[in-house]
Every structure is written in structure tokens, then in C-alpha cells.
Amino acid sequence: MRGGRAAPALLMLAASLAGSWTALAQAPVKPVAPAAPAAPTFTLPPPVAPPLTRPDDPSSPVGDAAFAAFQRGYFVTALRESMKRLDANSNDAPAMTLIAELYRVGLGVRRDFAEAARWYKLASDRDDPNASFALGRAYLTGEGVTRDEKAARALFEKAAARNHAGALYNLGVMELDSPVANFQRAADFFRRASEVGDSDATYALAMLYREGTGVPQDRQKAAQLLKAAADERNIAAEVEFGVALFNGDGIVKDEAAAAKYFLRAAARENPIAQNRLARMLSAGRGVQRNLVEAMKWHILARASGLGDEYLDGVLATLPSQQRIAVEEAVRKFVGN
């Protein structure tokens, strides 16, 4: 799991990635980007299927045979070893949580959300924070249980009391998603989650500092937090930190460093980073001018729905030999 946690924050932050952007030299058309809102906005996309991490207790057999089998992909063995653990100790919560995860994802058993929720509840009732978080997620999404936001919050709070990063982060998101958003409480939850290594929370907190929402506006602090999250390979933070570096927003302006962060995010198929990198390559800002690479990233960004009339114009002027090189570069990137 991300960040070495038994269950990550599955309700991902989707804040505005546009940020401020200084128009590049030689580019008569301003880059296409949504306007930055007065405060970050958050959405709750569907959950993903994460793997488990080793239980906190290294002496637990789940941390030995069962967990080792799980990590190696021997899921039937992982189930069998977890059941052995329960034969020895009917209150073994980590074993229950592992069994729940096998049912939730459908690993070695038929996928069954209701059965997963049943096992998560058994483990949560025995105060396993990973199970409490996972069951809270299930109640929030209606996965195997009747959707119940109140029950989800209670379970997240139970896990957060044990300093569970995912629960803390999602409580922050819920504060922002409530009918009357409480940015101050959200910032507190994000701060606590960030302190235990959640890069999504670090990014979210940075956005609040950038806008001065729920916390005093501090663009230098925002840049520091963005860098921390970006260096953890948080893709949204990579884009925003690249923007901050390019503009000198809260940090010393450094176009070459900005290009590196955009490249990292672009390589992971972020269209905004691809567009920004294409602009920089076409203008020779922070990087050596390279129209073939610029148009490669432009085409990839455009395929994801982020158009740019200026770059379309540059592409139209390329000679046939460079156009062929661009097509080959795109094919190589997408693996065709």
C-alpha cells in the first residue's frame, strides 16, 4: 500500500491543478487551463484495490506465513494461514482484516463485498484501525453495506484515534465535502495525516495555505509542503510545485527545476504537466528547445482532452520529417 499503510486514503483529493501560470515567451496564446478557484475543491472518486501491509505486531503469524504468502501472490495460502491463526486465537483482528481484504478484492476467493464487510466489522470490533478505516470506506461508498455517511465518519474517527493516516485524511475531505465546509477542521485533519506520512494530506494542506483557507495564507509554507508531497511522488503536487517553481511563487524561481517536476508528472500521463512541458520545450524555457519532444507531449495532452491552440499552430508548421519523428515518439511512449 501507498506509504506503508494497511489501507490508503481511497477518497482521493481532486483539487484544481491549474494554479497561476506565467505566459511563456514566444507563445501568443495563453496556455489553456481552468481558473484557480477561491478555495480548493474536492471530489470522492471510486475506491481502488490496494494491497495490505504487514500488521503492526511483527510477532503475529499474519506478519509471517499469511502476510508473506499474500505479498508473494499466494492468496489461497494466505487465506489458509489466516484461518490457522484464527483457530489459535479467535480474536486475531489482523488475520480478520487480511481475510476481509482477500474477499474485497477477490484474491484466492470469489469477490464478495458483503463478506469482506463482515470480516472488517469483526476486526474493527476488536479495535483494528485498518479494519475500521476499510469498513468506514465501505459505508461511505456502499460497498457490501448500505451507504451510511454517519457510520463511515464514526469508523474513520475510531481509526483516526489510533493515528491512522487514511482515516485522518478522509475526515479532512469529509469536512470539505459537507454542506457547510469547515476548512479549519479540514486543515487540522490534513496536518495530522501529513505528520504520519500521507502525501495526499500534505498536498491538500499546501493548497489551503496557498489560498489562505482555514489557515493563514502563507505561499512559502505552501511551496514547502508542495515540495514535500512532490518528492513523495504525489502527482498533483508535482504539477503544482512545478508551477510554483516556474512562477517563483513562494520559492526562488527555477525554470529548470520546474521542468523536471513537470517531466515526472508528464511521464505518469498527467495532461496538465504534459501541456506545461510541451510549452517549455517549444519555447526553450528551462530546457533545451526540442520541437519533436514538445509536440509529443502536446499530442498526448490533447488526447486526454487538454487542447492548446498555440501548440496546434506549432505542430502545423513542422516539416514532414519532424512530423514523422513526433509520431514515432508518441508511439514509443504509449507502447505501440
Protein backbone atom coordinates (compact mmCIF):
# COMPACT_ATOMS: atom_id res chain seq x y z
CA MET A 1 0.00 0.00 0.00
CA ARG A 2 0.97 3.55 -0.54
CA GLY A 3 3.07 4.94 2.29
CA GLY A 4 3.35 1.56 4.02
CA ARG A 5 -0.21 1.69 5.34
CA ALA A 6 -2.63 -1.17 5.65
CA ALA A 7 -5.29 0.85 3.84
CA PRO A 8 -4.61 4.10 1.93
CA ALA A 9 -6.85 7.10 1.60
CA LEU A 10 -9.11 5.81 -1.13
CA LEU A 11 -11.12 9.01 -1.42
CA MET A 12 -8.57 10.90 -3.47
CA LEU A 13 -8.13 14.63 -3.46
CA ALA A 14 -9.02 16.27 -6.78
CA ALA A 15 -8.04 19.90 -6.29
CA SER A 16 -7.55 22.37 -9.11
CA LEU A 17 -4.21 21.68 -10.75
CA ALA A 18 -4.12 24.78 -12.86
CA GLY A 19 -2.58 27.25 -10.45
CA SER A 20 -1.19 30.51 -11.71
CA TRP A 21 0.93 30.33 -14.83
CA THR A 22 3.07 32.99 -16.41
CA ALA A 23 2.68 33.02 -20.20
CA LEU A 24 5.79 31.72 -21.91
CA ALA A 25 7.83 33.88 -24.21
CA GLN A 26 7.14 33.31 -27.91
CA ALA A 27 3.67 32.00 -27.09
CA PRO A 28 1.00 34.45 -28.24
CA VAL A 29 -1.84 32.31 -26.87
CA LYS A 30 -2.14 31.90 -23.13
CA PRO A 31 -1.97 28.23 -22.04
CA VAL A 32 -5.36 26.60 -21.71
CA ALA A 33 -6.11 25.90 -18.06
CA PRO A 34 -9.09 26.13 -15.73
CA ALA A 35 -9.14 29.16 -13.47
CA ALA A 36 -7.99 28.56 -9.90
CA PRO A 37 -10.96 28.71 -7.52
CA ALA A 38 -11.03 30.80 -4.36
CA ALA A 39 -10.58 27.58 -2.39
CA PRO A 40 -9.64 24.02 -3.39
CA THR A 41 -12.47 21.73 -4.42
CA PHE A 42 -12.60 18.05 -3.55
CA THR A 43 -14.34 15.05 -5.05
CA LEU A 44 -14.82 11.47 -3.92
CA PRO A 45 -13.95 9.13 -6.81
CA PRO A 46 -14.43 5.34 -6.59
CA PRO A 47 -12.02 3.34 -4.44
CA VAL A 48 -9.12 1.33 -5.82
CA ALA A 49 -7.91 -2.10 -4.77
CA PRO A 50 -4.83 -1.75 -2.54
CA PRO A 51 -2.60 -4.48 -1.16
CA LEU A 52 -2.14 -4.92 2.56
CA THR A 53 0.94 -4.07 4.59
CA ARG A 54 2.42 -6.02 7.46
CA PRO A 55 0.37 -5.76 10.68
CA ASP A 56 1.78 -3.57 13.42
CA ASP A 57 2.64 -6.59 15.57
CA PRO A 58 5.74 -8.21 13.99
CA SER A 59 5.27 -11.30 16.15
CA SER A 60 1.87 -12.02 14.66
CA PRO A 61 1.75 -15.08 12.40
CA VAL A 62 -0.22 -12.90 10.00
CA GLY A 63 3.02 -10.94 9.71
CA ASP A 64 4.78 -14.21 8.97
CA ALA A 65 3.24 -17.01 6.92
CA ALA A 66 -0.09 -15.42 5.99
CA PHE A 67 1.21 -11.99 5.16
CA ALA A 68 4.29 -13.35 3.39
CA ALA A 69 2.03 -15.51 1.22
CA PHE A 70 -0.18 -12.51 0.48
CA GLN A 71 2.77 -10.39 -0.58
CA ARG A 72 4.06 -13.16 -2.87
CA GLY A 73 0.68 -13.58 -4.52
CA TYR A 74 -0.16 -16.92 -2.89
CA PHE A 75 -3.63 -15.83 -1.90
CA VAL A 76 -5.16 -19.24 -1.16
CA THR A 77 -2.22 -19.92 1.16
CA ALA A 78 -2.70 -16.50 2.77
CA LEU A 79 -6.34 -17.36 3.48
CA ARG A 80 -5.44 -20.78 4.86
CA GLU A 81 -2.72 -19.36 7.11
CA SER A 82 -5.04 -16.63 8.37
CA MET A 83 -7.65 -19.24 9.25
CA LYS A 84 -4.99 -21.20 11.14
CA ARG A 85 -4.27 -18.07 13.12
CA LEU A 86 -7.95 -17.73 13.97
CA ASP A 87 -8.08 -21.37 15.07
CA ALA A 88 -5.37 -20.49 17.56
CA ASN A 89 -6.86 -17.14 18.58
CA SER A 90 -10.46 -16.37 17.66
CA ASN A 91 -9.88 -12.66 18.40
CA ASP A 92 -6.98 -12.14 15.99
CA ALA A 93 -8.04 -8.88 14.34
CA PRO A 94 -5.14 -8.59 11.84
CA ALA A 95 -5.99 -12.04 10.48
CA MET A 96 -9.61 -10.98 10.07
CA THR A 97 -8.55 -7.85 8.24
CA LEU A 98 -6.41 -9.83 5.82
CA ILE A 99 -9.29 -12.22 5.12
CA ALA A 100 -11.57 -9.24 4.54
CA GLU A 101 -9.15 -7.79 2.03
CA LEU A 102 -8.97 -11.08 0.15
CA TYR A 103 -12.77 -11.09 -0.20
CA ARG A 104 -12.95 -7.39 -1.07
CA VAL A 105 -10.50 -7.65 -3.95
CA GLY A 106 -11.33 -11.25 -4.91
CA LEU A 107 -7.92 -12.79 -4.35
CA GLY A 108 -7.95 -16.54 -3.96
CA VAL A 109 -11.70 -16.40 -3.27
CA ARG A 110 -14.81 -15.24 -5.07
CA ARG A 111 -15.10 -11.48 -4.74
CA ASP A 112 -17.73 -10.71 -2.13
CA PHE A 113 -18.09 -7.18 -0.75
CA ALA A 114 -20.64 -8.21 1.86
CA GLU A 115 -18.38 -10.96 3.19
CA ALA A 116 -15.47 -8.52 3.22
CA ALA A 117 -17.52 -6.04 5.23
CA ARG A 118 -18.46 -8.79 7.69
CA TRP A 119 -14.82 -9.62 8.32
CA TYR A 120 -13.85 -5.96 8.53
CA LYS A 121 -16.52 -5.46 11.19
CA LEU A 122 -15.27 -8.40 13.21
CA ALA A 123 -11.77 -6.91 13.14
CA SER A 124 -12.98 -3.37 13.80
CA ASP A 125 -14.96 -4.58 16.82
CA ARG A 126 -11.61 -5.82 18.10
CA ASP A 127 -10.09 -2.36 17.60
CA ASP A 128 -8.05 -2.94 14.45
CA PRO A 129 -7.62 0.58 12.97
CA ASN A 130 -7.02 -0.75 9.46
CA ALA A 131 -10.31 -2.62 9.56
CA SER A 132 -12.15 0.38 10.99
CA PHE A 133 -10.86 2.51 8.14
CA ALA A 134 -11.73 -0.08 5.50
CA LEU A 135 -15.23 -0.57 6.91
CA GLY A 136 -15.68 3.21 7.03
CA ARG A 137 -14.74 3.37 3.36
CA ALA A 138 -17.28 0.65 2.63
CA TYR A 139 -20.04 2.61 4.38
CA LEU A 140 -19.07 5.75 2.51
CA THR A 141 -19.25 4.04 -0.89
CA GLY A 142 -21.95 1.44 -0.17
CA GLU A 143 -19.57 -1.42 -0.91
CA GLY A 144 -21.15 -4.53 0.63
CA VAL A 145 -23.21 -2.48 3.11
CA THR A 146 -25.94 0.13 2.94
CA ARG A 147 -24.36 3.51 2.33
CA ASP A 148 -24.21 5.43 5.62
CA GLU A 149 -22.06 8.53 5.83
CA LYS A 150 -22.65 8.89 9.57
CA ALA A 151 -21.40 5.35 10.20
CA ALA A 152 -18.43 5.99 7.91
CA ARG A 153 -17.44 9.09 9.84
CA ALA A 154 -17.70 7.26 13.18
CA LEU A 155 -15.43 4.49 11.90
CA PHE A 156 -12.93 6.98 10.45
CA GLU A 157 -12.88 8.76 13.82
CA LYS A 158 -12.26 5.45 15.55
CA ALA A 159 -9.29 4.72 13.27
CA ALA A 160 -8.06 8.32 13.48
CA ALA A 161 -7.87 7.99 17.25
CA ARG A 162 -5.17 5.42 16.53
CA ASN A 163 -3.44 7.90 14.19
CA HIS A 164 -4.47 6.11 11.01
CA ALA A 165 -3.31 8.32 8.15
CA GLY A 166 -6.03 7.32 5.70
CA ALA A 167 -8.79 7.94 8.23
CA LEU A 168 -7.38 11.35 9.16
CA TYR A 169 -7.12 12.34 5.51
CA ASN A 170 -10.65 11.24 4.68
CA LEU A 171 -12.07 13.06 7.68
CA GLY A 172 -10.47 16.18 6.24
CA VAL A 173 -12.08 15.51 2.87
CA MET A 174 -15.45 14.97 4.56
CA GLU A 175 -15.13 18.33 6.32
CA LEU A 176 -14.66 20.00 2.95
CA ASP A 177 -17.45 17.99 1.33
CA SER A 178 -20.03 18.79 3.99
CA PRO A 179 -22.89 21.23 3.21
CA VAL A 180 -21.07 23.87 5.26
CA ALA A 181 -17.37 23.24 4.72
CA ASN A 182 -15.19 23.60 7.79
CA PHE A 183 -11.79 24.45 6.34
CA GLN A 184 -10.17 24.92 9.73
CA ARG A 185 -11.10 21.41 10.88
CA ALA A 186 -10.10 20.03 7.49
CA ALA A 187 -6.69 21.67 7.79
CA ASP A 188 -6.21 20.12 11.21
CA PHE A 189 -7.02 16.64 9.92
CA PHE A 190 -4.75 17.12 6.90
CA ARG A 191 -1.94 18.32 9.16
CA ARG A 192 -2.23 15.27 11.39
CA ALA A 193 -2.33 12.93 8.39
CA SER A 194 0.63 14.71 6.84
CA GLU A 195 2.63 14.26 10.03
CA VAL A 196 2.24 10.49 9.72
CA GLY A 197 3.32 10.47 6.09
CA ASP A 198 0.21 10.92 3.93
CA SER A 199 1.29 12.79 0.79
CA ASP A 200 -2.31 13.45 -0.30
CA ALA A 201 -2.86 15.25 3.00
CA THR A 202 0.39 17.19 2.61
CA TYR A 203 -0.76 18.31 -0.82
CA ALA A 204 -4.22 19.26 0.45
CA LEU A 205 -2.72 21.26 3.30
CA ALA A 206 -0.44 23.06 0.86
CA MET A 207 -3.44 24.11 -1.21
CA LEU A 208 -5.15 25.52 1.87
CA TYR A 209 -2.04 27.52 2.79
CA ARG A 210 -1.74 28.76 -0.77
CA GLU A 211 -5.27 30.15 -0.74
CA GLY A 212 -5.35 31.12 2.94
CA THR A 213 -8.40 28.95 3.54
CA GLY A 214 -8.75 27.52 7.05
CA VAL A 215 -5.19 28.63 7.77
CA PRO A 216 -3.33 31.94 7.39
CA GLN A 217 -2.24 32.46 3.80
CA ASP A 218 1.43 31.53 3.51
CA ARG A 219 2.64 30.84 0.00
CA GLN A 220 6.15 30.00 1.19
CA LYS A 221 4.73 27.35 3.52
CA ALA A 222 2.56 26.14 0.66
CA ALA A 223 5.61 25.73 -1.57
CA GLN A 224 7.45 23.82 1.17
CA LEU A 225 4.54 21.44 1.59
CA LEU A 226 4.15 21.00 -2.15
CA LYS A 227 7.81 20.08 -2.43
CA ALA A 228 7.48 17.53 0.37
CA ALA A 229 4.48 15.90 -1.32
CA ALA A 230 6.05 16.11 -4.79
CA ASP A 231 9.20 14.42 -3.53
CA GLU A 232 6.93 11.60 -2.33
CA ARG A 233 5.83 11.32 -6.00
CA ASN A 234 2.39 12.77 -5.40
CA ILE A 235 1.44 13.61 -8.97
CA ALA A 236 -0.84 16.55 -8.17
CA ALA A 237 1.88 18.07 -6.01
CA GLU A 238 4.46 17.55 -8.75
CA VAL A 239 2.35 19.67 -11.09
CA GLU A 240 1.60 22.41 -8.56
CA PHE A 241 5.19 22.57 -7.33
CA GLY A 242 6.37 22.82 -10.92
CA VAL A 243 4.02 25.79 -11.38
CA ALA A 244 5.33 27.38 -8.17
CA LEU A 245 8.94 26.94 -9.31
CA PHE A 246 8.22 28.36 -12.75
CA ASN A 247 6.48 31.42 -11.32
CA GLY A 248 8.69 31.89 -8.27
CA ASP A 249 5.57 31.60 -6.11
CA GLY A 250 6.68 31.14 -2.50
CA ILE A 251 10.05 29.85 -3.65
CA VAL A 252 13.01 31.04 -5.70
CA LYS A 253 12.11 30.93 -9.40
CA ASP A 254 13.81 27.99 -11.11
CA GLU A 255 12.52 27.05 -14.56
CA ALA A 256 14.95 24.14 -15.00
CA ALA A 257 13.75 22.56 -11.74
CA ALA A 258 10.13 23.21 -12.76
CA ALA A 259 10.71 21.30 -15.99
CA LYS A 260 11.99 18.29 -14.03
CA TYR A 261 8.85 18.11 -11.92
CA PHE A 262 6.63 18.55 -14.98
CA LEU A 263 8.55 15.76 -16.71
CA ARG A 264 7.98 13.39 -13.80
CA ALA A 265 4.24 14.06 -13.81
CA ALA A 266 4.03 14.05 -17.61
CA ALA A 267 5.66 10.61 -17.75
CA ARG A 268 2.84 9.40 -15.49
CA GLU A 269 0.29 10.69 -18.01
CA ASN A 270 -0.81 13.88 -16.30
CA PRO A 271 -2.16 16.06 -19.14
CA ILE A 272 -1.54 19.40 -17.41
CA ALA A 273 2.12 18.52 -16.84
CA GLN A 274 2.35 17.31 -20.45
CA ASN A 275 0.97 20.63 -21.68
CA ARG A 276 3.30 22.68 -19.47
CA LEU A 277 6.30 20.66 -20.53
CA ALA A 278 5.33 20.99 -24.20
CA ARG A 279 5.18 24.76 -23.78
CA MET A 280 8.60 24.89 -22.16
CA LEU A 281 10.18 22.63 -24.78
CA SER A 282 8.68 24.64 -27.61
CA ALA A 283 9.98 27.90 -26.17
CA GLY A 284 13.28 26.62 -24.77
CA ARG A 285 12.41 27.76 -21.24
CA GLY A 286 14.21 25.77 -18.53
CA VAL A 287 15.11 23.10 -21.08
CA GLN A 288 16.80 22.95 -24.44
CA ARG A 289 14.33 23.71 -27.23
CA ASN A 290 13.10 20.48 -28.79
CA LEU A 291 10.04 20.68 -31.01
CA VAL A 292 9.75 16.93 -31.52
CA GLU A 293 9.52 16.31 -27.76
CA ALA A 294 7.30 19.35 -27.33
CA MET A 295 4.81 18.09 -29.89
CA LYS A 296 4.91 14.59 -28.45
CA TRP A 297 3.75 15.90 -25.08
CA HIS A 298 1.26 18.23 -26.73
CA ILE A 299 -0.37 15.37 -28.65
CA LEU A 300 -0.56 13.25 -25.50
CA ALA A 301 -2.13 16.10 -23.52
CA ARG A 302 -4.57 16.81 -26.35
CA ALA A 303 -5.57 13.14 -26.47
CA SER A 304 -6.56 13.50 -22.80
CA GLY A 305 -8.73 16.49 -23.60
CA LEU A 306 -6.35 19.38 -22.87
CA GLY A 307 -6.05 21.35 -26.07
CA ASP A 308 -3.74 24.27 -26.84
CA GLU A 309 -4.28 26.41 -29.95
CA TYR A 310 -0.76 27.83 -29.85
CA LEU A 311 0.85 24.38 -29.81
CA ASP A 312 -1.55 23.24 -32.54
CA GLY A 313 -0.14 26.07 -34.61
CA VAL A 314 3.44 24.99 -33.91
CA LEU A 315 2.59 21.42 -34.87
CA ALA A 316 1.06 22.56 -38.15
CA THR A 317 4.31 24.27 -39.15
CA LEU A 318 6.56 21.24 -38.64
CA PRO A 319 8.21 19.80 -41.76
CA SER A 320 7.24 16.25 -42.70
CA GLN A 321 10.44 14.71 -41.31
CA GLN A 322 9.81 16.17 -37.86
CA ARG A 323 6.16 15.14 -38.01
CA ILE A 324 7.25 11.54 -38.59
CA ALA A 325 9.64 11.83 -35.64
CA VAL A 326 6.80 13.13 -33.45
CA GLU A 327 4.54 10.24 -34.45
CA GLU A 328 7.29 7.77 -33.62
CA ALA A 329 7.92 9.43 -30.25
CA VAL A 330 4.23 9.21 -29.37
CA ARG A 331 4.05 5.54 -30.42
CA LYS A 332 7.10 4.76 -28.32
CA PHE A 333 5.60 6.45 -25.26
CA VAL A 334 2.26 4.64 -25.49
CA GLY A 335 3.97 1.34 -26.24
CA ASN A 336 2.70 0.78 -29.77
